[in-house]
C-alpha atoms as a PDB file:
ATOM      1  CA  MET A   1     -54.717 -23.787  22.289  1.00  0.00           C
ATOM      2  CA  ALA A   2     -55.832 -26.946  20.539  1.00  0.00           C
ATOM      3  CA  LYS A   3     -57.955 -24.838  18.234  1.00  0.00           C
ATOM      4  CA  ASP A   4     -54.875 -22.778  17.190  1.00  0.00           C
ATOM      5  CA  GLY A   5     -52.985 -25.963  16.436  1.00  0.00           C
ATOM      6  CA  LEU A   6     -55.866 -27.210  14.347  1.00  0.00           C
ATOM      7  CA  ILE A   7     -56.079 -23.931  12.411  1.00  0.00           C
ATOM      8  CA  TYR A   8     -52.298 -23.934  11.963  1.00  0.00           C
ATOM      9  CA  SER A   9     -52.328 -27.481  10.580  1.00  0.00           C
ATOM     10  CA  GLU A  10     -55.143 -26.746   8.183  1.00  0.00           C
ATOM     11  CA  ALA A  11     -53.452 -23.542   7.023  1.00  0.00           C
ATOM     12  CA  VAL A  12     -50.161 -25.330   6.484  1.00  0.00           C
ATOM     13  CA  ARG A  13     -51.852 -28.160   4.591  1.00  0.00           C
ATOM     14  CA  ALA A  14     -53.768 -25.758   2.363  1.00  0.00           C
ATOM     15  CA  ALA A  15     -50.730 -23.567   1.665  1.00  0.00           C
ATOM     16  CA  ALA A  16     -48.557 -26.618   1.037  1.00  0.00           C
ATOM     17  CA  ALA A  17     -51.075 -28.039  -1.408  1.00  0.00           C
ATOM     18  CA  GLU A  18     -51.215 -24.745  -3.339  1.00  0.00           C
ATOM     19  CA  ALA A  19     -47.438 -24.361  -3.359  1.00  0.00           C
ATOM     20  CA  ALA A  20     -46.960 -27.988  -4.358  1.00  0.00           C
ATOM     21  CA  ALA A  21     -49.298 -27.536  -7.308  1.00  0.00           C
ATOM     22  CA  ALA A  22     -47.480 -24.361  -8.368  1.00  0.00           C
ATOM     23  CA  LEU A  23     -43.978 -25.821  -7.952  1.00  0.00           C
ATOM     24  CA  ARG A  24     -44.828 -29.332  -9.203  1.00  0.00           C
ATOM     25  CA  THR A  25     -43.584 -31.131  -6.121  1.00  0.00           C
ATOM     26  CA  SER A  26     -45.164 -32.972  -3.197  1.00  0.00           C
ATOM     27  CA  SER A  27     -47.018 -31.135  -0.457  1.00  0.00           C
ATOM     28  CA  GLU A  28     -44.973 -33.037   2.135  1.00  0.00           C
ATOM     29  CA  ALA A  29     -41.755 -31.475   0.775  1.00  0.00           C
ATOM     30  CA  ILE A  30     -43.366 -28.047   0.945  1.00  0.00           C
ATOM     31  CA  ARG A  31     -44.602 -28.609   4.494  1.00  0.00           C
ATOM     32  CA  LYS A  32     -41.101 -29.557   5.635  1.00  0.00           C
ATOM     33  CA  ARG A  33     -39.774 -26.229   4.354  1.00  0.00           C
ATOM     34  CA  ALA A  34     -42.640 -24.099   5.666  1.00  0.00           C
ATOM     35  CA  ILE A  35     -41.556 -21.578   8.288  1.00  0.00           C
ATOM     36  CA  PRO A  36     -44.266 -20.416  10.694  1.00  0.00           C
ATOM     37  CA  ALA A  37     -44.144 -16.640  10.933  1.00  0.00           C
ATOM     38  CA  ARG A  38     -45.817 -16.635  14.316  1.00  0.00           C
ATOM     39  CA  ARG A  39     -47.983 -19.016  16.254  1.00  0.00           C
ATOM     40  CA  GLN A  40     -50.822 -16.567  16.798  1.00  0.00           C
ATOM     41  CA  PRO A  41     -53.779 -16.631  14.445  1.00  0.00           C
ATOM     42  CA  GLY A  42     -54.523 -13.510  12.445  1.00  0.00           C
ATOM     43  CA  ASN A  43     -57.795 -11.587  12.375  1.00  0.00           C
ATOM     44  CA  ASP A  44     -59.313 -14.083   9.968  1.00  0.00           C
ATOM     45  CA  GLY A  45     -58.489 -17.002  12.271  1.00  0.00           C
ATOM     46  CA  THR A  46     -55.658 -18.491  10.170  1.00  0.00           C
ATOM     47  CA  VAL A  47     -52.022 -18.773  11.184  1.00  0.00           C
ATOM     48  CA  PRO A  48     -49.669 -17.090   8.661  1.00  0.00           C
ATOM     49  CA  VAL A  49     -46.960 -19.343   7.241  1.00  0.00           C
ATOM     50  CA  LEU A  50     -43.924 -18.150   5.210  1.00  0.00           C
ATOM     51  CA  LEU A  51     -42.546 -20.267   2.407  1.00  0.00           C
ATOM     52  CA  ASP A  52     -39.225 -19.739   0.631  1.00  0.00           C
ATOM     53  CA  VAL A  53     -40.497 -20.119  -2.926  1.00  0.00           C
ATOM     54  CA  ASP A  54     -37.150 -19.219  -4.562  1.00  0.00           C
ATOM     55  CA  ALA A  55     -35.406 -22.046  -2.729  1.00  0.00           C
ATOM     56  CA  GLU A  56     -38.059 -24.463  -3.933  1.00  0.00           C
ATOM     57  CA  LYS A  57     -37.722 -23.272  -7.524  1.00  0.00           C
ATOM     58  CA  ASP A  58     -33.920 -23.677  -7.385  1.00  0.00           C
ATOM     59  CA  ARG A  59     -34.223 -27.300  -6.332  1.00  0.00           C
ATOM     60  CA  ALA A  60     -34.302 -29.672  -9.251  1.00  0.00           C
ATOM     61  CA  ALA A  61     -37.491 -31.623  -9.709  1.00  0.00           C
ATOM     62  CA  PRO A  62     -37.063 -35.328  -9.027  1.00  0.00           C
ATOM     63  CA  ARG A  63     -36.301 -37.182 -12.225  1.00  0.00           C
ATOM     64  CA  LYS A  64     -38.607 -39.935 -13.280  1.00  0.00           C
ATOM     65  CA  ARG A  65     -37.059 -43.134 -14.469  1.00  0.00           C
ATOM     66  CA  GLN A  66     -37.668 -44.066 -18.019  1.00  0.00           C
ATOM     67  CA  THR A  67     -39.883 -47.096 -17.915  1.00  0.00           C
ATOM     68  CA  VAL A  68     -40.048 -47.688 -21.662  1.00  0.00           C
ATOM     69  CA  GLN A  69     -36.834 -49.054 -23.137  1.00  0.00           C
ATOM     70  CA  PRO A  70     -36.067 -48.048 -26.725  1.00  0.00           C
ATOM     71  CA  SER A  71     -36.450 -50.863 -29.185  1.00  0.00           C
ATOM     72  CA  ASP A  72     -33.356 -52.805 -30.133  1.00  0.00           C
ATOM     73  CA  THR A  73     -33.841 -52.219 -33.855  1.00  0.00           C
ATOM     74  CA  ARG A  74     -33.972 -48.451 -33.333  1.00  0.00           C
ATOM     75  CA  THR A  75     -30.825 -48.596 -31.210  1.00  0.00           C
ATOM     76  CA  ILE A  76     -29.019 -50.728 -33.763  1.00  0.00           C
ATOM     77  CA  THR A  77     -30.066 -48.406 -36.593  1.00  0.00           C
ATOM     78  CA  THR A  78     -28.802 -45.402 -34.663  1.00  0.00           C
ATOM     79  CA  LEU A  79     -25.496 -47.109 -33.886  1.00  0.00           C
ATOM     80  CA  GLU A  80     -25.050 -48.140 -37.521  1.00  0.00           C
ATOM     81  CA  ALA A  81     -25.614 -44.525 -38.592  1.00  0.00           C
ATOM     82  CA  CYS A  82     -23.003 -43.391 -36.070  1.00  0.00           C
ATOM     83  CA  ILE A  83     -20.556 -46.008 -37.355  1.00  0.00           C
ATOM     84  CA  ALA A  84     -21.109 -44.808 -40.940  1.00  0.00           C
ATOM     85  CA  ASP A  85     -20.451 -41.201 -39.878  1.00  0.00           C
ATOM     86  CA  LEU A  86     -17.271 -42.230 -38.078  1.00  0.00           C
ATOM     87  CA  GLN A  87     -16.077 -44.211 -41.098  1.00  0.00           C
ATOM     88  CA  SER A  88     -16.597 -41.215 -43.381  1.00  0.00           C
ATOM     89  CA  LEU A  89     -14.693 -39.012 -40.924  1.00  0.00           C
ATOM     90  CA  LEU A  90     -11.871 -41.570 -40.840  1.00  0.00           C
ATOM     91  CA  ALA A  91     -11.699 -41.651 -44.654  1.00  0.00           C
ATOM     92  CA  LYS A  92     -11.477 -37.851 -44.772  1.00  0.00           C
ATOM     93  CA  ALA A  93      -8.764 -37.841 -42.108  1.00  0.00           C
ATOM     94  CA  GLU A  94      -6.748 -40.467 -43.986  1.00  0.00           C
ATOM     95  CA  GLU A  95      -7.087 -38.446 -47.206  1.00  0.00           C
ATOM     96  CA  ARG A  96      -5.844 -35.311 -45.446  1.00  0.00           C
ATOM     97  CA  ALA A  97      -2.953 -37.281 -43.945  1.00  0.00           C
ATOM     98  CA  ALA A  98      -1.939 -38.528 -47.402  1.00  0.00           C
ATOM     99  CA  GLU A  99      -2.053 -34.959 -48.768  1.00  0.00           C
ATOM    100  CA  GLU A 100       0.056 -33.702 -45.874  1.00  0.00           C
ATOM    101  CA  ARG A 101       2.516 -36.572 -46.340  1.00  0.00           C
ATOM    102  CA  SER A 102       2.994 -35.701 -50.041  1.00  0.00           C
ATOM    103  CA  ARG A 103       3.344 -32.008 -49.161  1.00  0.00           C
ATOM    104  CA  CYS A 104       5.973 -32.876 -46.554  1.00  0.00           C
ATOM    105  CA  ASP A 105       7.900 -35.002 -49.083  1.00  0.00           C
ATOM    106  CA  ARG A 106       7.831 -32.127 -51.579  1.00  0.00           C
ATOM    107  CA  LEU A 107       9.104 -29.673 -48.948  1.00  0.00           C
ATOM    108  CA  ILE A 108      11.921 -32.057 -47.978  1.00  0.00           C
ATOM    109  CA  ALA A 109      12.981 -32.347 -51.634  1.00  0.00           C
ATOM    110  CA  GLU A 110      12.944 -28.543 -51.968  1.00  0.00           C
ATOM    111  CA  THR A 111      15.043 -28.271 -48.803  1.00  0.00           C
ATOM    112  CA  TRP A 112      17.637 -30.696 -50.211  1.00  0.00           C
ATOM    113  CA  VAL A 113      17.837 -28.665 -53.426  1.00  0.00           C
ATOM    114  CA  ALA A 114      18.209 -25.424 -51.439  1.00  0.00           C
ATOM    115  CA  ASN A 115      20.931 -26.968 -49.251  1.00  0.00           C
ATOM    116  CA  ALA A 116      22.842 -28.161 -52.337  1.00  0.00           C
ATOM    117  CA  ARG A 117      22.570 -24.696 -53.895  1.00  0.00           C
ATOM    118  CA  ALA A 118      23.754 -23.059 -50.659  1.00  0.00           C
ATOM    119  CA  ALA A 119      26.765 -25.420 -50.488  1.00  0.00           C
ATOM    120  CA  HIS A 120      27.643 -24.600 -54.104  1.00  0.00           C
ATOM    121  CA  LEU A 121      27.399 -20.844 -53.465  1.00  0.00           C
ATOM    122  CA  GLU A 122      29.472 -21.181 -50.305  1.00  0.00           C
ATOM    123  CA  GLY A 123      32.163 -22.966 -52.322  1.00  0.00           C
ATOM    124  CA  GLU A 124      32.172 -20.188 -54.939  1.00  0.00           C
ATOM    125  CA  LEU A 125      32.419 -17.547 -52.214  1.00  0.00           C
ATOM    126  CA  THR A 126      35.384 -19.331 -50.621  1.00  0.00           C
ATOM    127  CA  ALA A 127      37.090 -19.527 -54.025  1.00  0.00           C
ATOM    128  CA  LEU A 128      36.533 -15.824 -54.652  1.00  0.00           C
ATOM    129  CA  ARG A 129      37.919 -14.912 -51.225  1.00  0.00           C
ATOM    130  CA  SER A 130      41.037 -17.022 -51.740  1.00  0.00           C
ATOM    131  CA  ARG A 131      42.014 -15.186 -54.957  1.00  0.00           C
ATOM    132  CA  PRO A 132      44.436 -12.329 -54.630  1.00  0.00           C
ATOM    133  CA  ALA A 133      42.900  -8.876 -54.834  1.00  0.00           C
ATOM    134  CA  PRO A 134      43.197  -7.063 -58.179  1.00  0.00           C
ATOM    135  CA  TRP A 135      46.228  -4.772 -58.651  1.00  0.00           C
ATOM    136  CA  TRP A 136      44.189  -1.551 -58.542  1.00  0.00           C
ATOM    137  CA  TRP A 137      42.645  -2.539 -55.219  1.00  0.00           C
ATOM    138  CA  ARG A 138      46.006  -3.360 -53.697  1.00  0.00           C
ATOM    139  CA  TRP A 139      47.483  -0.056 -55.092  1.00  0.00           C
ATOM    140  CA  ARG A 140      44.552   1.922 -53.665  1.00  0.00           C
ATOM    141  CA  ARG A 141      44.975   0.328 -50.228  1.00  0.00           C
ATOM    142  CA  ALA A 142      48.669   1.031 -50.166  1.00  0.00           C
ATOM    143  CA  ASN A 143      48.537   4.615 -51.456  1.00  0.00           C
ATOM    144  CA  CYS A 144      45.238   6.041 -50.265  1.00  0.00           C
ATOM    145  CA  ALA A 145      44.963   4.684 -46.788  1.00  0.00           C
END
């Protein structure tokens, strides 16, 4: 029985080392996820071990911390470039706002002119409706209706 345990341990260690190399992770993490298929050694004397490789691939690799800090001058240069881009975007936005403001003023002036014209035409229409109908229209209404 001790011999089977020894073979099982060696098989697990060897399989974990191979899987760890293939999946770029530690062999200890692989060994924790190893599922023994059965405790009996096969014909070749090794104990078969199943490993869920897809689950290991889905797990994200541990991120390494960045030990080298970017230089301050490079950071400042990058930030200054970003500030310049933002200032150019702001200038373009202000230019568009000024164009829209002038367009809005022009449309308001056109609306005032149209309203004045509509009021004038409404006055003319009221004057035309208040006039008496021509004689031939009145005669036609009285005689033909």
